[in-house]
Amino acid sequence: IRQIRLEARADNRSAIAFYRSLQFVPLGEVAGYYRQGIDAVQLEKKLI
């Protein structure tokens, strides 16, 4: 495993801050990823 990728709700600022504190970096947003049209933020952490 070289990297971990995940999605978090764009409106979940505490989750995004938590993942960023673990050195995850935002890659971009996915429009309408969650129900009711809520966007997602994609984050990634490289392990190697």
PDB file of N, CA and C in Angstrom:
ATOM      1  N   ILE A   1       0.851  -1.178   0.000  1.00  0.00           N
ATOM      2  CA  ILE A   1       0.000   0.000   0.000  1.00  0.00           C
ATOM      3  C   ILE A   1       0.889   1.230   0.000  1.00  0.00           C
ATOM      4  N   ARG A   2       0.678   2.094  -0.979  1.00  0.00           N
ATOM      5  CA  ARG A   2       1.497   3.303  -1.111  1.00  0.00           C
ATOM      6  C   ARG A   2       0.768   4.571  -0.689  1.00  0.00           C
ATOM      7  N   GLN A   3      -0.558   4.509  -0.688  1.00  0.00           N
ATOM      8  CA  GLN A   3      -1.329   5.701  -0.349  1.00  0.00           C
ATOM      9  C   GLN A   3      -2.691   5.293   0.185  1.00  0.00           C
ATOM     10  N   ILE A   4      -3.296   6.208   0.909  1.00  0.00           N
ATOM     11  CA  ILE A   4      -4.661   6.034   1.392  1.00  0.00           C
ATOM     12  C   ILE A   4      -5.464   7.202   0.855  1.00  0.00           C
ATOM     13  N   ARG A   5      -6.606   6.902   0.263  1.00  0.00           N
ATOM     14  CA  ARG A   5      -7.509   7.950  -0.215  1.00  0.00           C
ATOM     15  C   ARG A   5      -8.855   7.771   0.470  1.00  0.00           C
ATOM     16  N   LEU A   6      -9.504   8.894   0.716  1.00  0.00           N
ATOM     17  CA  LEU A   6     -10.822   8.851   1.338  1.00  0.00           C
ATOM     18  C   LEU A   6     -11.628  10.057   0.918  1.00  0.00           C
ATOM     19  N   GLU A   7     -12.917   9.996   1.209  1.00  0.00           N
ATOM     20  CA  GLU A   7     -13.809  11.114   0.958  1.00  0.00           C
ATOM     21  C   GLU A   7     -14.449  11.522   2.275  1.00  0.00           C
ATOM     22  N   ALA A   8     -14.643  12.809   2.430  1.00  0.00           N
ATOM     23  CA  ALA A   8     -15.357  13.361   3.577  1.00  0.00           C
ATOM     24  C   ALA A   8     -16.362  14.374   3.049  1.00  0.00           C
ATOM     25  N   ARG A   9     -17.471  14.499   3.753  1.00  0.00           N
ATOM     26  CA  ARG A   9     -18.451  15.510   3.355  1.00  0.00           C
ATOM     27  C   ARG A   9     -17.802  16.886   3.375  1.00  0.00           C
ATOM     28  N   ALA A  10     -18.047  17.651   2.338  1.00  0.00           N
ATOM     29  CA  ALA A  10     -17.435  18.977   2.229  1.00  0.00           C
ATOM     30  C   ALA A  10     -17.871  19.899   3.362  1.00  0.00           C
ATOM     31  N   ASP A  11     -19.037  19.643   3.942  1.00  0.00           N
ATOM     32  CA  ASP A  11     -19.515  20.485   5.040  1.00  0.00           C
ATOM     33  C   ASP A  11     -19.082  19.973   6.417  1.00  0.00           C
ATOM     34  N   ASN A  12     -18.302  18.898   6.447  1.00  0.00           N
ATOM     35  CA  ASN A  12     -17.832  18.337   7.716  1.00  0.00           C
ATOM     36  C   ASN A  12     -16.418  18.854   7.994  1.00  0.00           C
ATOM     37  N   ARG A  13     -16.358  20.099   8.409  1.00  0.00           N
ATOM     38  CA  ARG A  13     -15.066  20.767   8.616  1.00  0.00           C
ATOM     39  C   ARG A  13     -14.219  20.086   9.688  1.00  0.00           C
ATOM     40  N   SER A  14     -14.844  19.536  10.720  1.00  0.00           N
ATOM     41  CA  SER A  14     -14.060  18.884  11.779  1.00  0.00           C
ATOM     42  C   SER A  14     -13.394  17.614  11.265  1.00  0.00           C
ATOM     43  N   ALA A  15     -14.069  16.844  10.416  1.00  0.00           N
ATOM     44  CA  ALA A  15     -13.463  15.639   9.846  1.00  0.00           C
ATOM     45  C   ALA A  15     -12.301  16.010   8.931  1.00  0.00           C
ATOM     46  N   ILE A  16     -12.498  17.022   8.108  1.00  0.00           N
ATOM     47  CA  ILE A  16     -11.434  17.454   7.201  1.00  0.00           C
ATOM     48  C   ILE A  16     -10.228  17.945   7.992  1.00  0.00           C
ATOM     49  N   ALA A  17     -10.467  18.711   9.042  1.00  0.00           N
ATOM     50  CA  ALA A  17      -9.363  19.193   9.888  1.00  0.00           C
ATOM     51  C   ALA A  17      -8.644  18.027  10.555  1.00  0.00           C
ATOM     52  N   PHE A  18      -9.398  17.027  10.997  1.00  0.00           N
ATOM     53  CA  PHE A  18      -8.789  15.851  11.618  1.00  0.00           C
ATOM     54  C   PHE A  18      -7.874  15.132  10.630  1.00  0.00           C
ATOM     55  N   TYR A  19      -8.373  14.849   9.432  1.00  0.00           N
ATOM     56  CA  TYR A  19      -7.554  14.157   8.441  1.00  0.00           C
ATOM     57  C   TYR A  19      -6.336  14.987   8.039  1.00  0.00           C
ATOM     58  N   ARG A  20      -6.502  16.287   7.927  1.00  0.00           N
ATOM     59  CA  ARG A  20      -5.349  17.144   7.595  1.00  0.00           C
ATOM     60  C   ARG A  20      -4.315  17.111   8.709  1.00  0.00           C
ATOM     61  N   SER A  21      -4.751  16.983   9.960  1.00  0.00           N
ATOM     62  CA  SER A  21      -3.798  16.888  11.071  1.00  0.00           C
ATOM     63  C   SER A  21      -2.990  15.595  11.001  1.00  0.00           C
ATOM     64  N   LEU A  22      -3.498  14.615  10.261  1.00  0.00           N
ATOM     65  CA  LEU A  22      -2.796  13.343  10.057  1.00  0.00           C
ATOM     66  C   LEU A  22      -2.027  13.331   8.733  1.00  0.00           C
ATOM     67  N   GLN A  23      -1.809  14.517   8.175  1.00  0.00           N
ATOM     68  CA  GLN A  23      -1.050  14.726   6.936  1.00  0.00           C
ATOM     69  C   GLN A  23      -1.765  14.240   5.676  1.00  0.00           C
ATOM     70  N   PHE A  24      -3.086  14.158   5.695  1.00  0.00           N
ATOM     71  CA  PHE A  24      -3.836  13.946   4.462  1.00  0.00           C
ATOM     72  C   PHE A  24      -3.897  15.290   3.746  1.00  0.00           C
ATOM     73  N   VAL A  25      -3.818  15.260   2.431  1.00  0.00           N
ATOM     74  CA  VAL A  25      -3.910  16.495   1.651  1.00  0.00           C
ATOM     75  C   VAL A  25      -5.141  16.418   0.741  1.00  0.00           C
ATOM     76  N   PRO A  26      -5.850  17.539   0.580  1.00  0.00           N
ATOM     77  CA  PRO A  26      -7.016  17.540  -0.300  1.00  0.00           C
ATOM     78  C   PRO A  26      -6.602  17.395  -1.762  1.00  0.00           C
ATOM     79  N   LEU A  27      -7.346  16.571  -2.485  1.00  0.00           N
ATOM     80  CA  LEU A  27      -7.101  16.381  -3.918  1.00  0.00           C
ATOM     81  C   LEU A  27      -8.108  17.135  -4.768  1.00  0.00           C
ATOM     82  N   GLY A  28      -9.293  17.318  -4.244  1.00  0.00           N
ATOM     83  CA  GLY A  28     -10.341  17.993  -5.003  1.00  0.00           C
ATOM     84  C   GLY A  28     -11.694  17.692  -4.406  1.00  0.00           C
ATOM     85  N   GLU A  29     -12.729  18.129  -5.108  1.00  0.00           N
ATOM     86  CA  GLU A  29     -14.100  17.908  -4.656  1.00  0.00           C
ATOM     87  C   GLU A  29     -14.869  17.129  -5.709  1.00  0.00           C
ATOM     88  N   VAL A  30     -15.854  16.362  -5.233  1.00  0.00           N
ATOM     89  CA  VAL A  30     -16.750  15.628  -6.114  1.00  0.00           C
ATOM     90  C   VAL A  30     -18.156  16.164  -5.859  1.00  0.00           C
ATOM     91  N   ALA A  31     -18.715  16.812  -6.857  1.00  0.00           N
ATOM     92  CA  ALA A  31     -20.045  17.410  -6.714  1.00  0.00           C
ATOM     93  C   ALA A  31     -21.111  16.324  -6.588  1.00  0.00           C
ATOM     94  N   GLY A  32     -22.013  16.500  -5.630  1.00  0.00           N
ATOM     95  CA  GLY A  32     -23.144  15.600  -5.471  1.00  0.00           C
ATOM     96  C   GLY A  32     -22.802  14.182  -5.059  1.00  0.00           C
ATOM     97  N   TYR A  33     -21.688  13.972  -4.414  1.00  0.00           N
ATOM     98  CA  TYR A  33     -21.224  12.630  -4.046  1.00  0.00           C
ATOM     99  C   TYR A  33     -22.159  11.956  -3.039  1.00  0.00           C
ATOM    100  N   TYR A  34     -22.658  12.732  -2.088  1.00  0.00           N
ATOM    101  CA  TYR A  34     -23.531  12.190  -1.045  1.00  0.00           C
ATOM    102  C   TYR A  34     -24.989  12.490  -1.361  1.00  0.00           C
ATOM    103  N   ARG A  35     -25.874  11.817  -0.634  1.00  0.00           N
ATOM    104  CA  ARG A  35     -27.307  12.051  -0.802  1.00  0.00           C
ATOM    105  C   ARG A  35     -27.625  13.527  -0.651  1.00  0.00           C
ATOM    106  N   GLN A  36     -28.714  13.913  -1.228  1.00  0.00           N
ATOM    107  CA  GLN A  36     -29.200  15.293  -1.186  1.00  0.00           C
ATOM    108  C   GLN A  36     -28.221  16.262  -1.846  1.00  0.00           C
ATOM    109  N   GLY A  37     -27.356  15.747  -2.715  1.00  0.00           N
ATOM    110  CA  GLY A  37     -26.473  16.596  -3.504  1.00  0.00           C
ATOM    111  C   GLY A  37     -25.300  17.202  -2.761  1.00  0.00           C
ATOM    112  N   ILE A  38     -24.951  16.639  -1.608  1.00  0.00           N
ATOM    113  CA  ILE A  38     -23.838  17.188  -0.824  1.00  0.00           C
ATOM    114  C   ILE A  38     -22.514  16.762  -1.454  1.00  0.00           C
ATOM    115  N   ASP A  39     -21.609  17.711  -1.588  1.00  0.00           N
ATOM    116  CA  ASP A  39     -20.299  17.454  -2.194  1.00  0.00           C
ATOM    117  C   ASP A  39     -19.374  16.723  -1.229  1.00  0.00           C
ATOM    118  N   ALA A  40     -18.363  16.086  -1.798  1.00  0.00           N
ATOM    119  CA  ALA A  40     -17.329  15.411  -1.013  1.00  0.00           C
ATOM    120  C   ALA A  40     -15.979  16.048  -1.301  1.00  0.00           C
ATOM    121  N   VAL A  41     -15.111  16.000  -0.317  1.00  0.00           N
ATOM    122  CA  VAL A  41     -13.715  16.392  -0.488  1.00  0.00           C
ATOM    123  C   VAL A  41     -12.900  15.107  -0.504  1.00  0.00           C
ATOM    124  N   GLN A  42     -12.082  14.924  -1.525  1.00  0.00           N
ATOM    125  CA  GLN A  42     -11.191  13.768  -1.587  1.00  0.00           C
ATOM    126  C   GLN A  42      -9.872  14.149  -0.939  1.00  0.00           C
ATOM    127  N   LEU A  43      -9.378  13.253  -0.079  1.00  0.00           N
ATOM    128  CA  LEU A  43      -8.099  13.480   0.596  1.00  0.00           C
ATOM    129  C   LEU A  43      -7.208  12.268   0.390  1.00  0.00           C
ATOM    130  N   GLU A  44      -5.908  12.508   0.444  1.00  0.00           N
ATOM    131  CA  GLU A  44      -4.939  11.439   0.217  1.00  0.00           C
ATOM    132  C   GLU A  44      -3.755  11.606   1.156  1.00  0.00           C
ATOM    133  N   LYS A  45      -3.234  10.459   1.588  1.00  0.00           N
ATOM    134  CA  LYS A  45      -1.988  10.444   2.358  1.00  0.00           C
ATOM    135  C   LYS A  45      -1.058   9.434   1.706  1.00  0.00           C
ATOM    136  N   LYS A  46       0.109   9.898   1.315  1.00  0.00           N
ATOM    137  CA  LYS A  46       1.114   8.998   0.740  1.00  0.00           C
ATOM    138  C   LYS A  46       1.878   8.330   1.878  1.00  0.00           C
ATOM    139  N   LEU A  47       2.048   7.025   1.768  1.00  0.00           N
ATOM    140  CA  LEU A  47       2.727   6.264   2.812  1.00  0.00           C
ATOM    141  C   LEU A  47       4.183   6.011   2.483  1.00  0.00           C
ATOM    142  N   ILE A  48       4.527   6.110   1.215  1.00  0.00           N
ATOM    143  CA  ILE A  48       5.908   5.862   0.783  1.00  0.00           C
ATOM    144  C   ILE A  48       6.451   7.103   0.119  1.00  0.00           C
TER     145      ILE A  48
END
